[in-house]
C-alpha atoms as a PDB file:
ATOM      1  CA  MET A   1     -27.013  25.867  -2.044  1.00  0.00           C
ATOM      2  CA  LYS A   2     -30.601  24.619  -2.015  1.00  0.00           C
ATOM      3  CA  GLN A   3     -30.916  20.838  -2.224  1.00  0.00           C
ATOM      4  CA  PRO A   4     -33.131  19.748  -5.143  1.00  0.00           C
ATOM      5  CA  SER A   5     -36.265  17.844  -4.294  1.00  0.00           C
ATOM      6  CA  GLN A   6     -36.750  14.318  -5.559  1.00  0.00           C
ATOM      7  CA  LYS A   7     -39.164  15.453  -8.234  1.00  0.00           C
ATOM      8  CA  ASP A   8     -36.573  17.910  -9.555  1.00  0.00           C
ATOM      9  CA  LEU A   9     -33.980  15.228 -10.213  1.00  0.00           C
ATOM     10  CA  HIS A  10     -34.929  14.071 -13.723  1.00  0.00           C
ATOM     11  CA  PHE A  11     -31.240  13.968 -14.680  1.00  0.00           C
ATOM     12  CA  ALA A  12     -28.040  13.108 -12.870  1.00  0.00           C
ATOM     13  CA  VAL A  13     -26.450  15.721 -10.647  1.00  0.00           C
ATOM     14  CA  LEU A  14     -22.919  15.630  -9.256  1.00  0.00           C
ATOM     15  CA  ALA A  15     -21.839  15.418  -5.648  1.00  0.00           C
ATOM     16  CA  THR A  16     -18.624  14.891  -3.725  1.00  0.00           C
ATOM     17  CA  ASP A  17     -17.934  12.730  -0.670  1.00  0.00           C
ATOM     18  CA  VAL A  18     -14.702  12.594   1.315  1.00  0.00           C
ATOM     19  CA  ALA A  19     -13.154   9.875   3.465  1.00  0.00           C
ATOM     20  CA  LEU A  20     -10.885  11.881   5.783  1.00  0.00           C
ATOM     21  CA  PHE A  21      -8.483   9.827   7.924  1.00  0.00           C
ATOM     22  CA  SER A  22      -6.147  10.566  10.812  1.00  0.00           C
ATOM     23  CA  VAL A  23      -4.312   8.485  13.416  1.00  0.00           C
ATOM     24  CA  ARG A  24      -4.579   9.136  17.162  1.00  0.00           C
ATOM     25  CA  ASP A  25      -3.047   6.914  19.848  1.00  0.00           C
ATOM     26  CA  ASN A  26      -2.238   4.260  17.214  1.00  0.00           C
ATOM     27  CA  MET A  27      -5.862   4.116  16.061  1.00  0.00           C
ATOM     28  CA  LEU A  28      -7.022   4.915  12.519  1.00  0.00           C
ATOM     29  CA  LEU A  29      -9.915   7.386  12.629  1.00  0.00           C
ATOM     30  CA  VAL A  30     -12.361   8.685  10.038  1.00  0.00           C
ATOM     31  CA  ARG A  31     -14.280  11.972  10.154  1.00  0.00           C
ATOM     32  CA  LEU A  32     -18.060  11.497  10.214  1.00  0.00           C
ATOM     33  CA  VAL A  33     -20.856  14.054  10.097  1.00  0.00           C
ATOM     34  CA  SER A  34     -24.480  14.111  11.112  1.00  0.00           C
ATOM     35  CA  VAL A  35     -26.951  13.248   8.324  1.00  0.00           C
ATOM     36  CA  ASN A  36     -30.658  13.961   8.746  1.00  0.00           C
ATOM     37  CA  ARG A  37     -32.558  13.415   5.504  1.00  0.00           C
ATOM     38  CA  PRO A  38     -35.964  11.964   6.438  1.00  0.00           C
ATOM     39  CA  PRO A  39     -37.616   9.732   5.519  1.00  0.00           C
ATOM     40  CA  TYR A  40     -34.630   7.874   4.060  1.00  0.00           C
ATOM     41  CA  PHE A  41     -31.811   8.804   6.452  1.00  0.00           C
ATOM     42  CA  PRO A  42     -33.223  10.324   9.644  1.00  0.00           C
ATOM     43  CA  ASN A  43     -30.696  11.063  12.396  1.00  0.00           C
ATOM     44  CA  THR A  44     -27.853   8.964  11.017  1.00  0.00           C
ATOM     45  CA  GLN A  45     -24.197   9.536  10.082  1.00  0.00           C
ATOM     46  CA  GLY A  46     -22.110   9.658   6.953  1.00  0.00           C
ATOM     47  CA  LEU A  47     -18.987  10.999   5.284  1.00  0.00           C
ATOM     48  CA  PRO A  48     -18.632  14.745   4.674  1.00  0.00           C
ATOM     49  CA  GLY A  49     -19.948  15.732   1.275  1.00  0.00           C
ATOM     50  CA  GLY A  50     -22.743  17.225  -0.762  1.00  0.00           C
ATOM     51  CA  LEU A  51     -23.726  18.541  -4.163  1.00  0.00           C
ATOM     52  CA  ILE A  52     -21.330  20.381  -6.461  1.00  0.00           C
ATOM     53  CA  ASP A  53     -22.409  23.914  -7.292  1.00  0.00           C
ATOM     54  CA  PRO A  54     -22.565  24.532 -11.072  1.00  0.00           C
ATOM     55  CA  LYS A  55     -19.989  27.297 -10.662  1.00  0.00           C
ATOM     56  CA  GLU A  56     -17.373  25.253  -8.776  1.00  0.00           C
ATOM     57  CA  THR A  57     -15.055  22.353  -9.486  1.00  0.00           C
ATOM     58  CA  ALA A  58     -15.270  19.047  -7.643  1.00  0.00           C
ATOM     59  CA  GLU A  59     -12.148  20.003  -5.688  1.00  0.00           C
ATOM     60  CA  GLU A  60     -13.698  23.330  -4.675  1.00  0.00           C
ATOM     61  CA  ALA A  61     -16.835  21.493  -3.544  1.00  0.00           C
ATOM     62  CA  VAL A  62     -14.696  19.123  -1.467  1.00  0.00           C
ATOM     63  CA  ALA A  63     -13.044  22.085   0.255  1.00  0.00           C
ATOM     64  CA  ARG A  64     -16.408  23.756   0.918  1.00  0.00           C
ATOM     65  CA  HIS A  65     -18.059  20.662   2.387  1.00  0.00           C
ATOM     66  CA  LEU A  66     -15.029  19.784   4.504  1.00  0.00           C
ATOM     67  CA  GLU A  67     -15.008  23.243   6.052  1.00  0.00           C
ATOM     68  CA  THR A  68     -18.759  23.730   6.494  1.00  0.00           C
ATOM     69  CA  LYS A  69     -19.711  20.177   7.497  1.00  0.00           C
ATOM     70  CA  ALA A  70     -16.555  18.531   8.850  1.00  0.00           C
ATOM     71  CA  GLY A  71     -15.035  21.674  10.338  1.00  0.00           C
ATOM     72  CA  VAL A  72     -11.618  21.036   8.769  1.00  0.00           C
ATOM     73  CA  ALA A  73      -9.855  23.333   6.301  1.00  0.00           C
ATOM     74  CA  ALA A  74      -8.919  21.511   3.099  1.00  0.00           C
ATOM     75  CA  SER A  75      -5.712  23.531   2.813  1.00  0.00           C
ATOM     76  CA  THR A  76      -4.252  21.541   5.708  1.00  0.00           C
ATOM     77  CA  LEU A  77      -4.983  18.128   4.143  1.00  0.00           C
ATOM     78  CA  TYR A  78      -3.551  15.742   1.598  1.00  0.00           C
ATOM     79  CA  ILE A  79      -6.403  15.027  -0.851  1.00  0.00           C
ATOM     80  CA  GLU A  80      -6.594  12.756  -3.887  1.00  0.00           C
ATOM     81  CA  GLN A  81      -9.479  11.657  -6.063  1.00  0.00           C
ATOM     82  CA  LEU A  82     -10.624   8.161  -5.191  1.00  0.00           C
ATOM     83  CA  TYR A  83     -13.403   6.837  -7.427  1.00  0.00           C
ATOM     84  CA  THR A  84     -16.700   7.777  -9.049  1.00  0.00           C
ATOM     85  CA  PHE A  85     -19.764   6.122  -7.518  1.00  0.00           C
ATOM     86  CA  SER A  86     -22.683   6.013  -9.942  1.00  0.00           C
ATOM     87  CA  THR A  87     -25.025   3.235  -8.840  1.00  0.00           C
ATOM     88  CA  VAL A  88     -28.443   4.306 -10.064  1.00  0.00           C
ATOM     89  CA  ASN A  89     -30.192   4.148  -6.690  1.00  0.00           C
ATOM     90  CA  ARG A  90     -27.345   5.333  -4.452  1.00  0.00           C
ATOM     91  CA  ASP A  91     -29.450   8.325  -3.416  1.00  0.00           C
ATOM     92  CA  PRO A  92     -33.160   7.457  -3.012  1.00  0.00           C
ATOM     93  CA  ARG A  93     -34.124  11.104  -3.564  1.00  0.00           C
ATOM     94  CA  GLY A  94     -32.954  11.109  -7.177  1.00  0.00           C
ATOM     95  CA  ARG A  95     -30.113  10.441  -9.611  1.00  0.00           C
ATOM     96  CA  VAL A  96     -26.861  11.595  -7.992  1.00  0.00           C
ATOM     97  CA  VAL A  97     -23.340  10.633  -9.070  1.00  0.00           C
ATOM     98  CA  ALA A  98     -20.629  11.114  -6.448  1.00  0.00           C
ATOM     99  CA  VAL A  99     -16.967  11.848  -7.075  1.00  0.00           C
ATOM    100  CA  ALA A 100     -15.282  10.507  -3.937  1.00  0.00           C
ATOM    101  CA  TYR A 101     -11.984  11.648  -2.446  1.00  0.00           C
ATOM    102  CA  LEU A 102      -9.448  10.272  -0.003  1.00  0.00           C
ATOM    103  CA  ALA A 103      -7.974  12.771   2.469  1.00  0.00           C
ATOM    104  CA  LEU A 104      -5.283  12.439   5.145  1.00  0.00           C
ATOM    105  CA  VAL A 105      -4.125  14.693   7.973  1.00  0.00           C
ATOM    106  CA  PRO A 106      -1.677  14.202  10.861  1.00  0.00           C
ATOM    107  CA  TRP A 107      -3.534  14.394  14.178  1.00  0.00           C
ATOM    108  CA  GLU A 108      -0.945  16.824  15.536  1.00  0.00           C
ATOM    109  CA  GLN A 109      -1.628  19.201  12.656  1.00  0.00           C
ATOM    110  CA  LEU A 110      -5.273  19.636  13.660  1.00  0.00           C
ATOM    111  CA  SER A 111      -6.285  22.426  15.999  1.00  0.00           C
ATOM    112  CA  ALA A 112      -7.989  21.587  19.296  1.00  0.00           C
ATOM    113  CA  LYS A 113     -11.294  22.610  17.713  1.00  0.00           C
ATOM    114  CA  GLN A 114     -10.724  20.324  14.722  1.00  0.00           C
ATOM    115  CA  GLN A 115      -9.780  17.432  16.989  1.00  0.00           C
ATOM    116  CA  ALA A 116     -12.925  17.855  19.074  1.00  0.00           C
ATOM    117  CA  ASN A 117     -16.115  15.869  18.622  1.00  0.00           C
ATOM    118  CA  THR A 118     -19.417  17.713  18.342  1.00  0.00           C
ATOM    119  CA  LYS A 119     -22.983  16.707  17.564  1.00  0.00           C
ATOM    120  CA  ASP A 120     -22.425  17.725  13.942  1.00  0.00           C
ATOM    121  CA  ALA A 121     -18.987  16.221  13.221  1.00  0.00           C
ATOM    122  CA  TRP A 122     -16.727  13.761  15.037  1.00  0.00           C
ATOM    123  CA  TRP A 123     -13.831  11.312  14.712  1.00  0.00           C
ATOM    124  CA  ALA A 124     -14.666   7.620  14.875  1.00  0.00           C
ATOM    125  CA  PRO A 125     -12.494   4.500  14.755  1.00  0.00           C
ATOM    126  CA  VAL A 126     -12.845   3.058  11.265  1.00  0.00           C
ATOM    127  CA  SER A 127     -13.886  -0.272  12.803  1.00  0.00           C
ATOM    128  CA  GLU A 128     -16.944   1.438  14.308  1.00  0.00           C
ATOM    129  CA  ALA A 129     -17.983   3.427  11.223  1.00  0.00           C
ATOM    130  CA  ARG A 130     -20.888   1.295  10.019  1.00  0.00           C
ATOM    131  CA  LYS A 131     -24.427   1.721   8.693  1.00  0.00           C
ATOM    132  CA  LEU A 132     -23.584   5.045   7.099  1.00  0.00           C
ATOM    133  CA  ALA A 133     -26.010   7.049   4.963  1.00  0.00           C
ATOM    134  CA  TYR A 134     -26.333   6.563   1.207  1.00  0.00           C
ATOM    135  CA  ASP A 135     -23.537   4.280  -0.110  1.00  0.00           C
ATOM    136  CA  HIS A 136     -20.963   5.691   2.285  1.00  0.00           C
ATOM    137  CA  ASP A 137     -20.170   2.234   3.689  1.00  0.00           C
ATOM    138  CA  GLU A 138     -18.977   1.297   0.212  1.00  0.00           C
ATOM    139  CA  ILE A 139     -17.077   4.566  -0.259  1.00  0.00           C
ATOM    140  CA  LEU A 140     -15.340   4.098   3.099  1.00  0.00           C
ATOM    141  CA  ALA A 141     -14.425   0.500   2.216  1.00  0.00           C
ATOM    142  CA  VAL A 142     -12.904   1.573  -1.109  1.00  0.00           C
ATOM    143  CA  ALA A 143     -11.018   4.421   0.584  1.00  0.00           C
ATOM    144  CA  LEU A 144      -9.632   2.073   3.235  1.00  0.00           C
ATOM    145  CA  ALA A 145      -8.540  -0.431   0.608  1.00  0.00           C
ATOM    146  CA  ARG A 146      -6.801   2.342  -1.354  1.00  0.00           C
ATOM    147  CA  LEU A 147      -5.054   3.688   1.747  1.00  0.00           C
ATOM    148  CA  ARG A 148      -3.890   0.270   2.942  1.00  0.00           C
ATOM    149  CA  SER A 149      -2.693  -0.759  -0.496  1.00  0.00           C
ATOM    150  CA  ARG A 150      -0.805   2.450  -1.266  1.00  0.00           C
ATOM    151  CA  ALA A 151       0.793   2.431   2.175  1.00  0.00           C
ATOM    152  CA  THR A 152       2.697  -0.705   1.140  1.00  0.00           C
ATOM    153  CA  TYR A 153       4.219   0.655  -2.072  1.00  0.00           C
ATOM    154  CA  THR A 154       4.356   4.450  -1.678  1.00  0.00           C
ATOM    155  CA  THR A 155       5.328   7.000   0.952  1.00  0.00           C
ATOM    156  CA  LEU A 156       1.670   7.990   1.422  1.00  0.00           C
ATOM    157  CA  ILE A 157       1.877   7.087   5.117  1.00  0.00           C
ATOM    158  CA  GLY A 158       3.999  10.199   5.530  1.00  0.00           C
ATOM    159  CA  ARG A 159       0.871  12.323   5.116  1.00  0.00           C
ATOM    160  CA  LEU A 160      -0.393  10.896   8.417  1.00  0.00           C
ATOM    161  CA  MET A 161       2.819  11.555  10.325  1.00  0.00           C
ATOM    162  CA  PRO A 162       3.770  14.636  12.353  1.00  0.00           C
ATOM    163  CA  LYS A 163       6.760  16.679  11.217  1.00  0.00           C
ATOM    164  CA  GLU A 164       9.037  14.823  13.620  1.00  0.00           C
ATOM    165  CA  PHE A 165       8.676  11.219  14.767  1.00  0.00           C
ATOM    166  CA  THR A 166      10.576   8.210  16.044  1.00  0.00           C
ATOM    167  CA  LEU A 167      10.856   4.921  14.159  1.00  0.00           C
ATOM    168  CA  THR A 168       8.613   3.332  16.768  1.00  0.00           C
ATOM    169  CA  GLU A 169       5.916   5.931  16.113  1.00  0.00           C
ATOM    170  CA  LEU A 170       6.213   5.365  12.357  1.00  0.00           C
ATOM    171  CA  GLU A 171       5.975   1.608  12.851  1.00  0.00           C
ATOM    172  CA  HIS A 172       2.830   2.001  14.951  1.00  0.00           C
ATOM    173  CA  VAL A 173       1.138   4.182  12.343  1.00  0.00           C
ATOM    174  CA  TYR A 174       1.926   1.599   9.662  1.00  0.00           C
ATOM    175  CA  GLU A 175       0.407  -1.094  11.869  1.00  0.00           C
ATOM    176  CA  SER A 176      -2.687   1.057  12.518  1.00  0.00           C
ATOM    177  CA  VAL A 177      -3.248   1.530   8.804  1.00  0.00           C
ATOM    178  CA  ILE A 178      -2.426  -1.886   7.329  1.00  0.00           C
ATOM    179  CA  LYS A 179      -3.744  -3.875  10.322  1.00  0.00           C
ATOM    180  CA  THR A 180      -0.651  -6.062  10.425  1.00  0.00           C
ATOM    181  CA  LYS A 181       1.881  -6.541  13.204  1.00  0.00           C
ATOM    182  CA  LEU A 182       5.363  -5.735  11.906  1.00  0.00           C
ATOM    183  CA  ASP A 183       8.662  -7.238  12.946  1.00  0.00           C
ATOM    184  CA  LYS A 184      10.424  -4.287  14.586  1.00  0.00           C
ATOM    185  CA  ARG A 185      13.961  -5.221  13.526  1.00  0.00           C
ATOM    186  CA  ASN A 186      13.089  -5.982   9.889  1.00  0.00           C
ATOM    187  CA  PHE A 187      10.892  -2.875   9.604  1.00  0.00           C
ATOM    188  CA  ARG A 188      13.612  -0.537  10.854  1.00  0.00           C
ATOM    189  CA  LYS A 189      16.263  -2.134   8.692  1.00  0.00           C
ATOM    190  CA  LYS A 190      14.184  -1.817   5.537  1.00  0.00           C
ATOM    191  CA  ILE A 191      12.739   1.645   6.158  1.00  0.00           C
ATOM    192  CA  LEU A 192      16.198   3.101   6.740  1.00  0.00           C
ATOM    193  CA  LYS A 193      17.577   1.487   3.587  1.00  0.00           C
ATOM    194  CA  LEU A 194      14.902   3.126   1.431  1.00  0.00           C
ATOM    195  CA  ASP A 195      16.412   6.597   1.838  1.00  0.00           C
ATOM    196  CA  ILE A 196      13.018   8.203   2.388  1.00  0.00           C
ATOM    197  CA  LEU A 197      13.732   9.516   5.908  1.00  0.00           C
ATOM    198  CA  SER A 198      16.051  12.237   7.119  1.00  0.00           C
ATOM    199  CA  GLU A 199      17.665  11.864  10.525  1.00  0.00           C
ATOM    200  CA  LEU A 200      17.250  14.989  12.646  1.00  0.00           C
ATOM    201  CA  PRO A 201      19.988  16.387  14.887  1.00  0.00           C
ATOM    202  CA  ARG A 202      18.027  15.683  18.058  1.00  0.00           C
ATOM    203  CA  LYS A 203      16.407  12.949  20.068  1.00  0.00           C
ATOM    204  CA  ARG A 204      13.286  12.630  22.207  1.00  0.00           C
ATOM    205  CA  ALA A 205      13.418  11.472  25.796  1.00  0.00           C
ATOM    206  CA  SER A 206      10.693   9.032  26.822  1.00  0.00           C
ATOM    207  CA  GLY A 207      10.546   8.068  30.486  1.00  0.00           C
ATOM    208  CA  PRO A 208      13.329   5.800  31.737  1.00  0.00           C
ATOM    209  CA  HIS A 209      14.220   4.625  28.236  1.00  0.00           C
ATOM    210  CA  ARG A 210      17.163   5.848  26.190  1.00  0.00           C
ATOM    211  CA  PRO A 211      16.249   8.948  24.096  1.00  0.00           C
ATOM    212  CA  ALA A 212      14.943   7.956  20.671  1.00  0.00           C
ATOM    213  CA  GLN A 213      16.278   9.368  17.424  1.00  0.00           C
ATOM    214  CA  LEU A 214      13.906  11.694  15.582  1.00  0.00           C
ATOM    215  CA  TYR A 215      13.253  11.564  11.831  1.00  0.00           C
ATOM    216  CA  ARG A 216      11.166  13.279   9.182  1.00  0.00           C
ATOM    217  CA  PHE A 217      10.213  12.294   5.639  1.00  0.00           C
ATOM    218  CA  SER A 218      12.766  13.653   3.188  1.00  0.00           C
ATOM    219  CA  SER A 219      10.055  14.865   0.800  1.00  0.00           C
ATOM    220  CA  GLU A 220       6.366  15.695   1.073  1.00  0.00           C
ATOM    221  CA  LYS A 221       5.873  14.289  -2.422  1.00  0.00           C
ATOM    222  CA  VAL A 222       4.252  10.864  -2.449  1.00  0.00           C
ATOM    223  CA  ARG A 223       6.735   8.524  -4.107  1.00  0.00           C
ATOM    224  CA  ASP A 224       6.262   5.029  -5.483  1.00  0.00           C
ATOM    225  CA  ILE A 225       8.636   2.794  -3.582  1.00  0.00           C
ATOM    226  CA  GLU A 226       8.552  -0.703  -2.087  1.00  0.00           C
ATOM    227  CA  VAL A 227       7.989   0.166   1.550  1.00  0.00           C
ATOM    228  CA  LEU A 228       6.703  -3.182   2.815  1.00  0.00           C
END
């Protein structure tokens, strides 16, 4: 779809932006894409997104921009609407209102191509994702706050976990997301009491240590529950 010029934007148009997160090696990552919109944003970076075509929904636009710009198929992701960003001057080219989304994907669910970094799209530690184009720093901050908050009172963290995992792996993902060191004994005691995990009939060997029990989330549905 052709981008309107600044002079064409005499009224507000709609766009979508997506904060897509994953966890690799106990590090929370966000998907960034190349942005080159001189003179305002030459050779910079931002979140995947773009304008909504008049013939598509916001969700369809999210899927299109994720696939064409971020290189990730939306069908493999957990996606929820985050917030509407409507600051008048958020896009210096004209009046653009953005419907932002939060998306999550387990690292193990991504293909090798989707895990790879290219000049057009890459994974970056959230702590290093700064000075983004438009108001994407604000969008990322709101998305992080939503993710960290909901991780404490829902089972949303399950949408970042592989199909099978140990309690240690689950603990580490929680710590990566909420940026808090957990007490191992208390965490395991509470998480098992919540009845949100199913114990699998197998264990995973890890070096010289005793094989660790494997678990999965009992339901893919995000439930409200006091996790932490």
